[in-house]
Amino acid sequence: MVQLQVLLGAALERIRQLEQENAQLRERLGQNSTNSSRAPSSDPPGTARAQKKKKRRGRRPGGQPGHPKHERAWVPLQSVDEVVELVPEQCQQCQRKLKGQDSEPQRHQVVEVEPLKARVTEYRSHQVRCQQCGLLTRADVPAEARSAFGERLGASMSLLVGKYRLSKRLVCEVLSDLGGVQVSVGSVSNLEQHMSAALQAPVE
């Protein structure tokens, strides 16, 4: 579950970058004589005239003076992976060796995303001949491993397509950029159909 959350967090960052690039392209396509140095004759039909800018108020954007500061909430200690105790060894003024403890040290938390790496498991089904009857018997692949993609990876692809409305091609790019997972558009489509059927079965 933690790996899934990490993957989704990194995927959202990739989505933000793609949306920013998309906005820049839209801005270029939306230029006309009212918002650039282009001649009015080059405007497409239906271009609206420039409107007068509204008078700005005295308030600046963002937090206002005197507004209470909003600090990020602490991650609960039970969810912290590592605690590093920083204890000074000597006085910063006279350099004398220090002894004692601080019962209420100043806290500082750093949240980081671990490097993503796909975990690949290879199943090898051996075939053995019976010494009594001569029949060849091959071991079956476990039911949970018969798909080419694991449950967490499949859930991640479904989430990116369903909730976050990414195209199948973008899903392939996100998985490749973040986790080094090579997935085809057809595989994403097949998985989407499989997940939809699995969700509809209990309802019907």
N, C-alpha and C. Protein backbone atom coordinates (compact mmCIF):
# COMPACT_ATOMS: atom_id res chain seq x y z
N MET A 1 0.83 -1.21 0.00
CA MET A 1 0.00 0.00 0.00
C MET A 1 0.87 1.26 0.00
N VAL A 2 2.02 1.19 0.75
CA VAL A 2 2.91 2.35 0.79
C VAL A 2 3.50 2.62 -0.58
N GLN A 3 3.91 1.54 -1.28
CA GLN A 3 4.46 1.71 -2.62
C GLN A 3 3.43 2.31 -3.57
N LEU A 4 2.16 1.92 -3.40
CA LEU A 4 1.10 2.47 -4.25
C LEU A 4 0.94 3.96 -4.00
N GLN A 5 0.98 4.37 -2.72
CA GLN A 5 0.85 5.78 -2.39
C GLN A 5 2.03 6.57 -2.95
N VAL A 6 3.22 5.98 -2.86
CA VAL A 6 4.41 6.65 -3.39
C VAL A 6 4.29 6.82 -4.90
N LEU A 7 3.86 5.76 -5.57
CA LEU A 7 3.70 5.81 -7.03
C LEU A 7 2.69 6.86 -7.43
N LEU A 8 1.57 6.95 -6.70
CA LEU A 8 0.54 7.92 -7.03
C LEU A 8 1.02 9.35 -6.77
N GLY A 9 1.79 9.52 -5.69
CA GLY A 9 2.32 10.84 -5.40
C GLY A 9 3.24 11.32 -6.50
N ALA A 10 4.11 10.44 -6.95
CA ALA A 10 5.02 10.80 -8.04
C ALA A 10 4.26 10.98 -9.34
N ALA A 11 3.21 10.19 -9.54
CA ALA A 11 2.42 10.33 -10.76
C ALA A 11 1.73 11.68 -10.81
N LEU A 12 1.22 12.14 -9.66
CA LEU A 12 0.56 13.45 -9.61
C LEU A 12 1.54 14.57 -9.96
N GLU A 13 2.79 14.42 -9.51
CA GLU A 13 3.80 15.43 -9.85
C GLU A 13 4.05 15.45 -11.35
N ARG A 14 4.09 14.26 -11.97
CA ARG A 14 4.26 14.18 -13.42
C ARG A 14 3.06 14.79 -14.13
N ILE A 15 1.86 14.57 -13.58
CA ILE A 15 0.65 15.14 -14.17
C ILE A 15 0.71 16.66 -14.11
N ARG A 16 1.19 17.18 -12.96
CA ARG A 16 1.29 18.63 -12.81
C ARG A 16 2.22 19.22 -13.87
N GLN A 17 3.34 18.53 -14.13
CA GLN A 17 4.27 19.01 -15.15
C GLN A 17 3.64 18.99 -16.53
N LEU A 18 2.90 17.94 -16.83
CA LEU A 18 2.24 17.84 -18.14
C LEU A 18 1.17 18.91 -18.30
N GLU A 19 0.42 19.18 -17.21
CA GLU A 19 -0.60 20.21 -17.28
C GLU A 19 0.02 21.58 -17.49
N GLN A 20 1.18 21.81 -16.87
CA GLN A 20 1.87 23.08 -17.06
C GLN A 20 2.31 23.25 -18.51
N GLU A 21 2.86 22.18 -19.09
CA GLU A 21 3.25 22.24 -20.50
C GLU A 21 2.03 22.46 -21.39
N ASN A 22 0.93 21.82 -21.06
CA ASN A 22 -0.30 21.98 -21.83
C ASN A 22 -0.80 23.42 -21.76
N ALA A 23 -0.71 24.02 -20.55
CA ALA A 23 -1.16 25.40 -20.39
C ALA A 23 -0.31 26.36 -21.22
N GLN A 24 1.00 26.09 -21.28
CA GLN A 24 1.87 26.94 -22.08
C GLN A 24 1.53 26.85 -23.57
N LEU A 25 1.23 25.65 -24.03
CA LEU A 25 0.85 25.49 -25.44
C LEU A 25 -0.47 26.19 -25.72
N ARG A 26 -1.42 26.07 -24.78
CA ARG A 26 -2.71 26.75 -24.97
C ARG A 26 -2.54 28.26 -25.01
N GLU A 27 -1.61 28.75 -24.19
CA GLU A 27 -1.38 30.19 -24.18
C GLU A 27 -0.83 30.67 -25.52
N ARG A 28 0.06 29.87 -26.11
CA ARG A 28 0.60 30.24 -27.41
C ARG A 28 -0.49 30.22 -28.49
N LEU A 29 -1.33 29.19 -28.44
CA LEU A 29 -2.39 29.07 -29.44
C LEU A 29 -3.44 30.16 -29.27
N GLY A 30 -3.58 30.67 -28.05
CA GLY A 30 -4.62 31.66 -27.79
C GLY A 30 -4.20 33.10 -28.04
N GLN A 31 -3.01 33.32 -28.59
CA GLN A 31 -2.57 34.69 -28.84
C GLN A 31 -3.31 35.29 -30.03
N ASN A 32 -3.68 36.57 -29.90
CA ASN A 32 -4.30 37.32 -30.98
C ASN A 32 -3.90 38.78 -30.84
N SER A 33 -4.57 39.67 -31.60
CA SER A 33 -4.18 41.08 -31.59
C SER A 33 -4.48 41.76 -30.27
N THR A 34 -5.36 41.16 -29.45
CA THR A 34 -5.72 41.79 -28.18
C THR A 34 -4.73 41.47 -27.07
N ASN A 35 -3.94 40.42 -27.23
CA ASN A 35 -3.02 40.05 -26.16
C ASN A 35 -1.59 39.85 -26.65
N SER A 36 -1.29 40.29 -27.89
CA SER A 36 0.07 40.17 -28.42
C SER A 36 0.28 41.26 -29.47
N SER A 37 1.43 41.19 -30.13
CA SER A 37 1.77 42.20 -31.16
C SER A 37 1.24 41.82 -32.54
N ARG A 38 0.41 40.80 -32.62
CA ARG A 38 -0.12 40.38 -33.92
C ARG A 38 -1.11 41.41 -34.45
N ALA A 39 -1.19 41.50 -35.79
CA ALA A 39 -2.12 42.44 -36.43
C ALA A 39 -3.55 41.93 -36.30
N PRO A 40 -4.55 42.84 -36.17
CA PRO A 40 -5.94 42.41 -36.06
C PRO A 40 -6.40 41.56 -37.24
N SER A 41 -5.80 41.79 -38.42
CA SER A 41 -6.22 41.03 -39.60
C SER A 41 -5.87 39.55 -39.49
N SER A 42 -4.96 39.21 -38.60
CA SER A 42 -4.57 37.81 -38.43
C SER A 42 -5.43 37.07 -37.43
N ASP A 43 -6.37 37.80 -36.77
CA ASP A 43 -7.23 37.16 -35.77
C ASP A 43 -8.22 36.22 -36.43
N PRO A 44 -8.50 35.08 -35.81
CA PRO A 44 -9.55 34.18 -36.34
C PRO A 44 -10.92 34.79 -36.11
N PRO A 45 -11.93 34.34 -36.86
CA PRO A 45 -13.29 34.88 -36.67
C PRO A 45 -13.77 34.67 -35.24
N GLY A 46 -14.47 35.69 -34.72
CA GLY A 46 -15.04 35.57 -33.38
C GLY A 46 -14.13 36.01 -32.26
N THR A 47 -12.96 36.60 -32.60
CA THR A 47 -12.05 37.03 -31.55
C THR A 47 -12.66 38.21 -30.80
N ALA A 48 -12.74 38.11 -29.49
CA ALA A 48 -13.35 39.17 -28.68
C ALA A 48 -12.38 40.33 -28.51
N ARG A 49 -12.92 41.52 -28.37
CA ARG A 49 -12.08 42.69 -28.15
C ARG A 49 -11.56 42.69 -26.72
N ALA A 50 -10.45 43.38 -26.58
CA ALA A 50 -9.85 43.45 -25.24
C ALA A 50 -10.74 44.24 -24.31
N GLN A 51 -10.93 43.74 -23.11
CA GLN A 51 -11.73 44.43 -22.11
C GLN A 51 -10.83 45.23 -21.19
N LYS A 52 -11.40 46.29 -20.63
CA LYS A 52 -10.63 47.12 -19.72
C LYS A 52 -10.32 46.34 -18.45
N LYS A 53 -9.12 46.50 -17.99
CA LYS A 53 -8.73 45.81 -16.77
C LYS A 53 -9.43 46.42 -15.57
N LYS A 54 -9.83 45.54 -14.67
CA LYS A 54 -10.47 46.02 -13.45
C LYS A 54 -9.46 46.73 -12.57
N LYS A 55 -9.95 47.70 -11.84
CA LYS A 55 -9.09 48.45 -10.95
C LYS A 55 -8.63 47.56 -9.81
N ARG A 56 -7.33 47.52 -9.62
CA ARG A 56 -6.79 46.66 -8.59
C ARG A 56 -7.02 47.25 -7.21
N ARG A 57 -7.30 46.38 -6.29
CA ARG A 57 -7.45 46.82 -4.92
C ARG A 57 -6.08 46.94 -4.26
N GLY A 58 -6.08 47.51 -3.09
CA GLY A 58 -4.82 47.73 -2.40
C GLY A 58 -4.20 46.47 -1.84
N ARG A 59 -4.99 45.40 -1.74
CA ARG A 59 -4.47 44.16 -1.15
C ARG A 59 -3.57 43.43 -2.14
N ARG A 60 -2.49 42.92 -1.66
CA ARG A 60 -1.60 42.11 -2.47
C ARG A 60 -2.07 40.66 -2.44
N PRO A 61 -1.77 39.91 -3.49
CA PRO A 61 -2.14 38.49 -3.46
C PRO A 61 -1.35 37.74 -2.41
N GLY A 62 -1.95 36.66 -1.91
CA GLY A 62 -1.29 35.85 -0.89
C GLY A 62 -1.70 36.25 0.50
N GLY A 63 -0.92 35.82 1.47
CA GLY A 63 -1.23 36.10 2.87
C GLY A 63 -1.11 37.58 3.18
N GLN A 64 -2.01 38.08 3.99
CA GLN A 64 -2.04 39.49 4.35
C GLN A 64 -1.31 39.72 5.68
N PRO A 65 -0.77 40.92 5.88
CA PRO A 65 -0.09 41.22 7.15
C PRO A 65 -1.03 41.00 8.33
N GLY A 66 -0.51 40.35 9.36
CA GLY A 66 -1.32 40.08 10.54
C GLY A 66 -2.13 38.81 10.47
N HIS A 67 -2.14 38.19 9.28
CA HIS A 67 -2.89 36.94 9.13
C HIS A 67 -2.15 35.82 9.83
N PRO A 68 -2.85 34.97 10.60
CA PRO A 68 -2.17 33.88 11.32
C PRO A 68 -1.45 32.94 10.36
N LYS A 69 -0.25 32.53 10.75
CA LYS A 69 0.56 31.66 9.90
C LYS A 69 0.03 30.24 9.94
N HIS A 70 -0.09 29.63 8.77
CA HIS A 70 -0.55 28.25 8.67
C HIS A 70 0.66 27.35 8.45
N GLU A 71 0.96 26.51 9.43
CA GLU A 71 2.09 25.61 9.33
C GLU A 71 1.63 24.20 8.98
N ARG A 72 2.50 23.47 8.31
CA ARG A 72 2.17 22.11 7.93
C ARG A 72 2.07 21.23 9.17
N ALA A 73 1.04 20.39 9.19
CA ALA A 73 0.83 19.52 10.35
C ALA A 73 1.93 18.47 10.44
N TRP A 74 2.27 18.09 11.67
CA TRP A 74 3.29 17.07 11.88
C TRP A 74 2.76 15.70 11.47
N VAL A 75 3.65 14.90 10.92
CA VAL A 75 3.32 13.50 10.66
C VAL A 75 3.36 12.78 12.01
N PRO A 76 2.34 11.98 12.35
CA PRO A 76 2.33 11.28 13.64
C PRO A 76 3.59 10.44 13.83
N LEU A 77 4.07 10.37 15.08
CA LEU A 77 5.31 9.66 15.35
C LEU A 77 5.25 8.19 14.94
N GLN A 78 4.06 7.59 15.06
CA GLN A 78 3.94 6.18 14.68
C GLN A 78 4.11 5.97 13.18
N SER A 79 4.01 7.06 12.40
CA SER A 79 4.19 6.96 10.95
C SER A 79 5.57 7.43 10.50
N VAL A 80 6.39 7.88 11.44
CA VAL A 80 7.75 8.34 11.12
C VAL A 80 8.66 7.13 10.95
N ASP A 81 9.41 7.07 9.87
CA ASP A 81 10.27 5.93 9.59
C ASP A 81 11.61 6.00 10.33
N GLU A 82 12.10 7.19 10.54
CA GLU A 82 13.41 7.33 11.18
C GLU A 82 13.45 8.61 11.99
N VAL A 83 14.03 8.54 13.19
CA VAL A 83 14.22 9.71 14.04
C VAL A 83 15.72 9.92 14.24
N VAL A 84 16.20 11.09 13.92
CA VAL A 84 17.62 11.42 14.07
C VAL A 84 17.75 12.44 15.20
N GLU A 85 18.43 12.05 16.27
CA GLU A 85 18.64 12.93 17.42
C GLU A 85 19.90 13.78 17.17
N LEU A 86 19.74 15.08 17.16
CA LEU A 86 20.85 16.00 16.95
C LEU A 86 21.19 16.66 18.29
N VAL A 87 22.28 16.25 18.90
CA VAL A 87 22.68 16.74 20.22
C VAL A 87 24.02 17.47 20.08
N PRO A 88 24.09 18.75 20.50
CA PRO A 88 25.36 19.48 20.40
C PRO A 88 26.41 18.87 21.34
N GLU A 89 27.64 18.79 20.88
CA GLU A 89 28.70 18.20 21.68
C GLU A 89 29.46 19.22 22.51
N GLN A 90 29.49 20.49 22.05
CA GLN A 90 30.22 21.51 22.79
C GLN A 90 29.52 22.85 22.68
N CYS A 91 29.82 23.71 23.64
CA CYS A 91 29.21 25.05 23.67
C CYS A 91 29.71 25.85 22.49
N GLN A 92 28.79 26.53 21.80
CA GLN A 92 29.19 27.28 20.62
C GLN A 92 29.94 28.57 20.98
N GLN A 93 29.96 28.93 22.27
CA GLN A 93 30.68 30.14 22.67
C GLN A 93 32.05 29.83 23.25
N CYS A 94 32.09 28.94 24.27
CA CYS A 94 33.37 28.66 24.92
C CYS A 94 33.95 27.30 24.55
N GLN A 95 33.23 26.54 23.73
CA GLN A 95 33.66 25.23 23.25
C GLN A 95 33.82 24.18 24.36
N ARG A 96 33.20 24.42 25.52
CA ARG A 96 33.24 23.42 26.58
C ARG A 96 32.33 22.26 26.23
N LYS A 97 32.74 21.05 26.61
CA LYS A 97 31.95 19.87 26.33
C LYS A 97 30.63 19.93 27.08
N LEU A 98 29.55 19.62 26.38
CA LEU A 98 28.21 19.73 26.96
C LEU A 98 27.72 18.38 27.46
N LYS A 99 26.94 18.43 28.56
CA LYS A 99 26.28 17.26 29.11
C LYS A 99 24.82 17.60 29.37
N GLY A 100 23.98 16.59 29.36
CA GLY A 100 22.57 16.83 29.63
C GLY A 100 21.70 16.48 28.44
N GLN A 101 20.40 16.61 28.64
CA GLN A 101 19.42 16.27 27.62
C GLN A 101 18.36 17.35 27.53
N ASP A 102 17.74 17.43 26.37
CA ASP A 102 16.64 18.37 26.13
C ASP A 102 15.35 17.56 26.09
N SER A 103 14.45 17.83 27.04
CA SER A 103 13.20 17.06 27.09
C SER A 103 12.22 17.45 26.00
N GLU A 104 12.39 18.64 25.43
CA GLU A 104 11.50 19.11 24.37
C GLU A 104 12.34 19.66 23.21
N PRO A 105 13.00 18.80 22.45
CA PRO A 105 13.83 19.28 21.34
C PRO A 105 12.97 19.90 20.23
N GLN A 106 13.58 20.80 19.49
CA GLN A 106 12.90 21.39 18.34
C GLN A 106 12.76 20.35 17.25
N ARG A 107 11.55 20.25 16.70
CA ARG A 107 11.27 19.21 15.71
C ARG A 107 11.34 19.77 14.28
N HIS A 108 11.81 18.94 13.39
CA HIS A 108 11.87 19.29 11.96
C HIS A 108 11.70 18.00 11.17
N GLN A 109 10.68 17.92 10.36
CA GLN A 109 10.40 16.71 9.59
C GLN A 109 10.64 16.94 8.11
N VAL A 110 11.23 15.95 7.46
CA VAL A 110 11.49 15.98 6.02
C VAL A 110 10.77 14.80 5.39
N VAL A 111 9.87 15.08 4.46
CA VAL A 111 9.13 14.04 3.76
C VAL A 111 9.79 13.81 2.40
N GLU A 112 10.12 12.58 2.11
CA GLU A 112 10.80 12.24 0.87
C GLU A 112 10.13 11.03 0.23
N VAL A 113 10.20 10.97 -1.07
CA VAL A 113 9.68 9.83 -1.81
C VAL A 113 10.85 8.90 -2.13
N GLU A 114 10.71 7.64 -1.78
CA GLU A 114 11.78 6.68 -2.05
C GLU A 114 11.87 6.41 -3.55
N PRO A 115 13.07 6.06 -4.03
CA PRO A 115 13.20 5.74 -5.46
C PRO A 115 12.28 4.59 -5.85
N LEU A 116 11.60 4.77 -6.96
CA LEU A 116 10.67 3.74 -7.42
C LEU A 116 11.40 2.73 -8.30
N LYS A 117 11.12 1.48 -8.08
CA LYS A 117 11.73 0.42 -8.88
C LYS A 117 10.73 -0.72 -9.00
N ALA A 118 10.51 -1.13 -10.22
CA ALA A 118 9.58 -2.24 -10.45
C ALA A 118 10.18 -3.53 -9.92
N ARG A 119 9.35 -4.34 -9.28
CA ARG A 119 9.78 -5.65 -8.77
C ARG A 119 9.25 -6.72 -9.71
N VAL A 120 10.15 -7.46 -10.33
CA VAL A 120 9.77 -8.47 -11.32
C VAL A 120 9.98 -9.86 -10.74
N THR A 121 8.95 -10.68 -10.78
CA THR A 121 9.02 -12.06 -10.32
C THR A 121 8.82 -12.99 -11.51
N GLU A 122 9.74 -13.90 -11.70
CA GLU A 122 9.64 -14.87 -12.80
C GLU A 122 9.23 -16.23 -12.24
N TYR A 123 8.17 -16.77 -12.78
CA TYR A 123 7.69 -18.09 -12.38
C TYR A 123 8.12 -19.11 -13.44
N ARG A 124 8.75 -20.18 -13.01
CA ARG A 124 9.21 -21.22 -13.93
C ARG A 124 8.46 -22.52 -13.61
N SER A 125 7.59 -22.90 -14.52
CA SER A 125 6.78 -24.11 -14.32
C SER A 125 7.55 -25.33 -14.85
N HIS A 126 8.00 -26.14 -13.94
CA HIS A 126 8.76 -27.32 -14.33
C HIS A 126 7.82 -28.47 -14.71
N GLN A 127 8.28 -29.28 -15.64
CA GLN A 127 7.53 -30.45 -16.09
C GLN A 127 8.34 -31.71 -15.76
N VAL A 128 7.69 -32.64 -15.06
CA VAL A 128 8.39 -33.85 -14.61
C VAL A 128 7.61 -35.08 -15.06
N ARG A 129 8.34 -36.09 -15.52
CA ARG A 129 7.71 -37.33 -15.97
C ARG A 129 7.55 -38.31 -14.80
N CYS A 130 6.39 -38.90 -14.71
CA CYS A 130 6.11 -39.90 -13.68
C CYS A 130 6.87 -41.19 -14.00
N GLN A 131 7.60 -41.71 -13.03
CA GLN A 131 8.38 -42.93 -13.25
C GLN A 131 7.52 -44.19 -13.30
N GLN A 132 6.25 -44.03 -12.86
CA GLN A 132 5.38 -45.22 -12.86
C GLN A 132 4.57 -45.33 -14.14
N CYS A 133 3.86 -44.21 -14.52
CA CYS A 133 3.00 -44.28 -15.70
C CYS A 133 3.55 -43.53 -16.90
N GLY A 134 4.59 -42.74 -16.70
CA GLY A 134 5.21 -42.03 -17.81
C GLY A 134 4.55 -40.71 -18.17
N LEU A 135 3.50 -40.29 -17.43
CA LEU A 135 2.81 -39.03 -17.75
C LEU A 135 3.66 -37.83 -17.35
N LEU A 136 3.68 -36.83 -18.23
CA LEU A 136 4.38 -35.58 -17.92
C LEU A 136 3.43 -34.64 -17.19
N THR A 137 3.85 -34.14 -16.04
CA THR A 137 3.03 -33.22 -15.25
C THR A 137 3.79 -31.92 -15.06
N ARG A 138 3.11 -30.79 -15.39
CA ARG A 138 3.73 -29.47 -15.25
C ARG A 138 3.06 -28.72 -14.09
N ALA A 139 3.85 -28.05 -13.28
CA ALA A 139 3.32 -27.28 -12.16
C ALA A 139 2.55 -26.07 -12.68
N ASP A 140 1.42 -25.76 -12.02
CA ASP A 140 0.58 -24.63 -12.43
C ASP A 140 1.11 -23.33 -11.84
N VAL A 141 0.95 -22.24 -12.60
CA VAL A 141 1.26 -20.91 -12.09
C VAL A 141 0.16 -20.52 -11.10
N PRO A 142 0.50 -19.95 -9.94
CA PRO A 142 -0.53 -19.54 -8.97
C PRO A 142 -1.55 -18.61 -9.61
N ALA A 143 -2.79 -18.71 -9.16
CA ALA A 143 -3.88 -17.91 -9.74
C ALA A 143 -3.60 -16.42 -9.65
N GLU A 144 -3.01 -15.98 -8.53
CA GLU A 144 -2.76 -14.55 -8.35
C GLU A 144 -1.62 -14.03 -9.22
N ALA A 145 -0.90 -14.94 -9.91
CA ALA A 145 0.25 -14.53 -10.72
C ALA A 145 0.04 -14.78 -12.20
N ARG A 146 -1.17 -15.09 -12.61
CA ARG A 146 -1.40 -15.42 -14.01
C ARG A 146 -1.45 -14.19 -14.91
N SER A 147 -1.71 -13.04 -14.34
CA SER A 147 -1.65 -11.81 -15.12
C SER A 147 -0.20 -11.35 -15.24
N ALA A 148 0.08 -10.58 -16.28
CA ALA A 148 1.45 -10.08 -16.47
C ALA A 148 1.78 -8.95 -15.51
N PHE A 149 0.76 -8.41 -14.82
CA PHE A 149 0.96 -7.28 -13.93
C PHE A 149 0.39 -7.61 -12.55
N GLY A 150 1.11 -7.19 -11.51
CA GLY A 150 0.67 -7.44 -10.14
C GLY A 150 -0.53 -6.59 -9.76
N GLU A 151 -1.10 -6.89 -8.59
CA GLU A 151 -2.32 -6.22 -8.16
C GLU A 151 -2.10 -4.73 -7.93
N ARG A 152 -1.00 -4.35 -7.29
CA ARG A 152 -0.76 -2.93 -7.02
C ARG A 152 -0.53 -2.14 -8.30
N LEU A 153 0.22 -2.74 -9.24
CA LEU A 153 0.44 -2.05 -10.51
C LEU A 153 -0.86 -1.92 -11.28
N GLY A 154 -1.67 -2.97 -11.26
CA GLY A 154 -2.96 -2.92 -11.94
C GLY A 154 -3.88 -1.88 -11.33
N ALA A 155 -3.89 -1.81 -9.99
CA ALA A 155 -4.72 -0.81 -9.31
C ALA A 155 -4.25 0.60 -9.62
N SER A 156 -2.93 0.78 -9.73
CA SER A 156 -2.38 2.10 -10.06
C SER A 156 -2.80 2.54 -11.45
N MET A 157 -2.73 1.63 -12.42
CA MET A 157 -3.13 1.96 -13.79
C MET A 157 -4.62 2.31 -13.84
N SER A 158 -5.44 1.54 -13.14
CA SER A 158 -6.88 1.81 -13.13
C SER A 158 -7.18 3.15 -12.49
N LEU A 159 -6.44 3.49 -11.43
CA LEU A 159 -6.66 4.76 -10.75
C LEU A 159 -6.28 5.94 -11.63
N LEU A 160 -5.16 5.81 -12.35
CA LEU A 160 -4.72 6.89 -13.22
C LEU A 160 -5.69 7.12 -14.37
N VAL A 161 -6.25 6.04 -14.90
CA VAL A 161 -7.21 6.16 -16.01
C VAL A 161 -8.57 6.61 -15.51
N GLY A 162 -9.04 6.00 -14.40
CA GLY A 162 -10.39 6.27 -13.93
C GLY A 162 -10.53 7.56 -13.16
N LYS A 163 -9.84 7.69 -12.03
CA LYS A 163 -10.01 8.86 -11.17
C LYS A 163 -9.34 10.10 -11.73
N TYR A 164 -8.10 9.95 -12.22
CA TYR A 164 -7.34 11.11 -12.66
C TYR A 164 -7.49 11.40 -14.16
N ARG A 165 -8.27 10.59 -14.86
CA ARG A 165 -8.65 10.85 -16.25
C ARG A 165 -7.46 11.01 -17.19
N LEU A 166 -6.42 10.24 -16.97
CA LEU A 166 -5.29 10.28 -17.89
C LEU A 166 -5.57 9.40 -19.10
N SER A 167 -5.06 9.81 -20.24
CA SER A 167 -5.18 8.95 -21.41
C SER A 167 -4.31 7.72 -21.21
N LYS A 168 -4.61 6.67 -21.95
CA LYS A 168 -3.84 5.43 -21.81
C LYS A 168 -2.38 5.65 -22.19
N ARG A 169 -2.14 6.51 -23.15
CA ARG A 169 -0.76 6.78 -23.56
C ARG A 169 0.00 7.52 -22.44
N LEU A 170 -0.68 8.45 -21.77
CA LEU A 170 -0.04 9.15 -20.66
C LEU A 170 0.24 8.22 -19.50
N VAL A 171 -0.66 7.27 -19.26
CA VAL A 171 -0.44 6.28 -18.20
C VAL A 171 0.84 5.50 -18.49
N CYS A 172 1.03 5.11 -19.74
CA CYS A 172 2.25 4.39 -20.12
C CYS A 172 3.49 5.25 -19.87
N GLU A 173 3.41 6.55 -20.18
CA GLU A 173 4.55 7.44 -19.98
C GLU A 173 4.85 7.63 -18.50
N VAL A 174 3.80 7.79 -17.68
CA VAL A 174 3.99 7.97 -16.24
C VAL A 174 4.67 6.76 -15.63
N LEU A 175 4.19 5.56 -15.95
CA LEU A 175 4.78 4.34 -15.40
C LEU A 175 6.22 4.15 -15.86
N SER A 176 6.50 4.54 -17.10
CA SER A 176 7.87 4.41 -17.61
C SER A 176 8.80 5.42 -16.96
N ASP A 177 8.34 6.68 -16.81
CA ASP A 177 9.17 7.73 -16.24
C ASP A 177 9.44 7.50 -14.75
N LEU A 178 8.43 7.05 -14.01
CA LEU A 178 8.55 6.97 -12.56
C LEU A 178 9.08 5.63 -12.07
N GLY A 179 8.67 4.56 -12.70
CA GLY A 179 9.06 3.25 -12.18
C GLY A 179 9.83 2.39 -13.15
N GLY A 180 10.08 2.89 -14.36
CA GLY A 180 10.78 2.09 -15.35
C GLY A 180 9.97 0.90 -15.84
N VAL A 181 8.64 0.99 -15.72
CA VAL A 181 7.76 -0.10 -16.13
C VAL A 181 7.31 0.14 -17.56
N GLN A 182 7.57 -0.79 -18.44
CA GLN A 182 7.19 -0.67 -19.84
C GLN A 182 5.85 -1.37 -20.05
N VAL A 183 4.82 -0.57 -20.34
CA VAL A 183 3.47 -1.09 -20.54
C VAL A 183 2.94 -0.55 -21.86
N SER A 184 2.29 -1.38 -22.63
CA SER A 184 1.72 -0.93 -23.91
C SER A 184 0.33 -0.35 -23.69
N VAL A 185 -0.10 0.46 -24.65
CA VAL A 185 -1.45 1.04 -24.59
C VAL A 185 -2.50 -0.06 -24.58
N GLY A 186 -2.27 -1.11 -25.35
CA GLY A 186 -3.21 -2.22 -25.39
C GLY A 186 -3.33 -2.91 -24.04
N SER A 187 -2.23 -3.04 -23.31
CA SER A 187 -2.27 -3.67 -21.99
C SER A 187 -3.08 -2.83 -21.01
N VAL A 188 -2.93 -1.51 -21.08
CA VAL A 188 -3.72 -0.63 -20.21
C VAL A 188 -5.20 -0.77 -20.53
N SER A 189 -5.53 -0.83 -21.82
CA SER A 189 -6.93 -0.97 -22.24
C SER A 189 -7.51 -2.30 -21.76
N ASN A 190 -6.75 -3.39 -21.92
CA ASN A 190 -7.22 -4.70 -21.48
C ASN A 190 -7.42 -4.74 -19.97
N LEU A 191 -6.51 -4.14 -19.24
CA LEU A 191 -6.62 -4.12 -17.79
C LEU A 191 -7.84 -3.31 -17.35
N GLU A 192 -8.08 -2.18 -18.04
CA GLU A 192 -9.24 -1.35 -17.72
C GLU A 192 -10.54 -2.14 -17.89
N GLN A 193 -10.64 -2.90 -18.97
CA GLN A 193 -11.83 -3.72 -19.21
C GLN A 193 -11.96 -4.81 -18.15
N HIS A 194 -10.84 -5.40 -17.76
CA HIS A 194 -10.85 -6.46 -16.74
C HIS A 194 -11.32 -5.90 -15.40
N MET A 195 -10.81 -4.72 -15.02
CA MET A 195 -11.20 -4.12 -13.75
C MET A 195 -12.66 -3.71 -13.76
N SER A 196 -13.15 -3.20 -14.89
CA SER A 196 -14.56 -2.81 -15.00
C SER A 196 -15.46 -4.02 -14.84
N ALA A 197 -15.09 -5.13 -15.46
CA ALA A 197 -15.88 -6.35 -15.35
C ALA A 197 -15.87 -6.88 -13.92
N ALA A 198 -14.72 -6.77 -13.25
CA ALA A 198 -14.60 -7.26 -11.88
C ALA A 198 -15.45 -6.42 -10.93
N LEU A 199 -15.56 -5.12 -11.19
CA LEU A 199 -16.36 -4.25 -10.33
C LEU A 199 -17.85 -4.43 -10.57
N GLN A 200 -18.24 -4.75 -11.79
CA GLN A 200 -19.65 -4.91 -12.12
C GLN A 200 -20.20 -6.26 -11.67
N ALA A 201 -19.36 -7.27 -11.57
CA ALA A 201 -19.82 -8.62 -11.24
C ALA A 201 -20.56 -8.69 -9.91
N PRO A 202 -20.05 -8.11 -8.80
CA PRO A 202 -20.78 -8.19 -7.54
C PRO A 202 -22.12 -7.46 -7.58
N VAL A 203 -22.17 -6.35 -8.38
CA VAL A 203 -23.41 -5.57 -8.45
C VAL A 203 -24.50 -6.35 -9.16
N GLU A 204 -24.13 -7.03 -10.25
CA GLU A 204 -25.11 -7.79 -11.00
C GLU A 204 -25.54 -9.04 -10.25
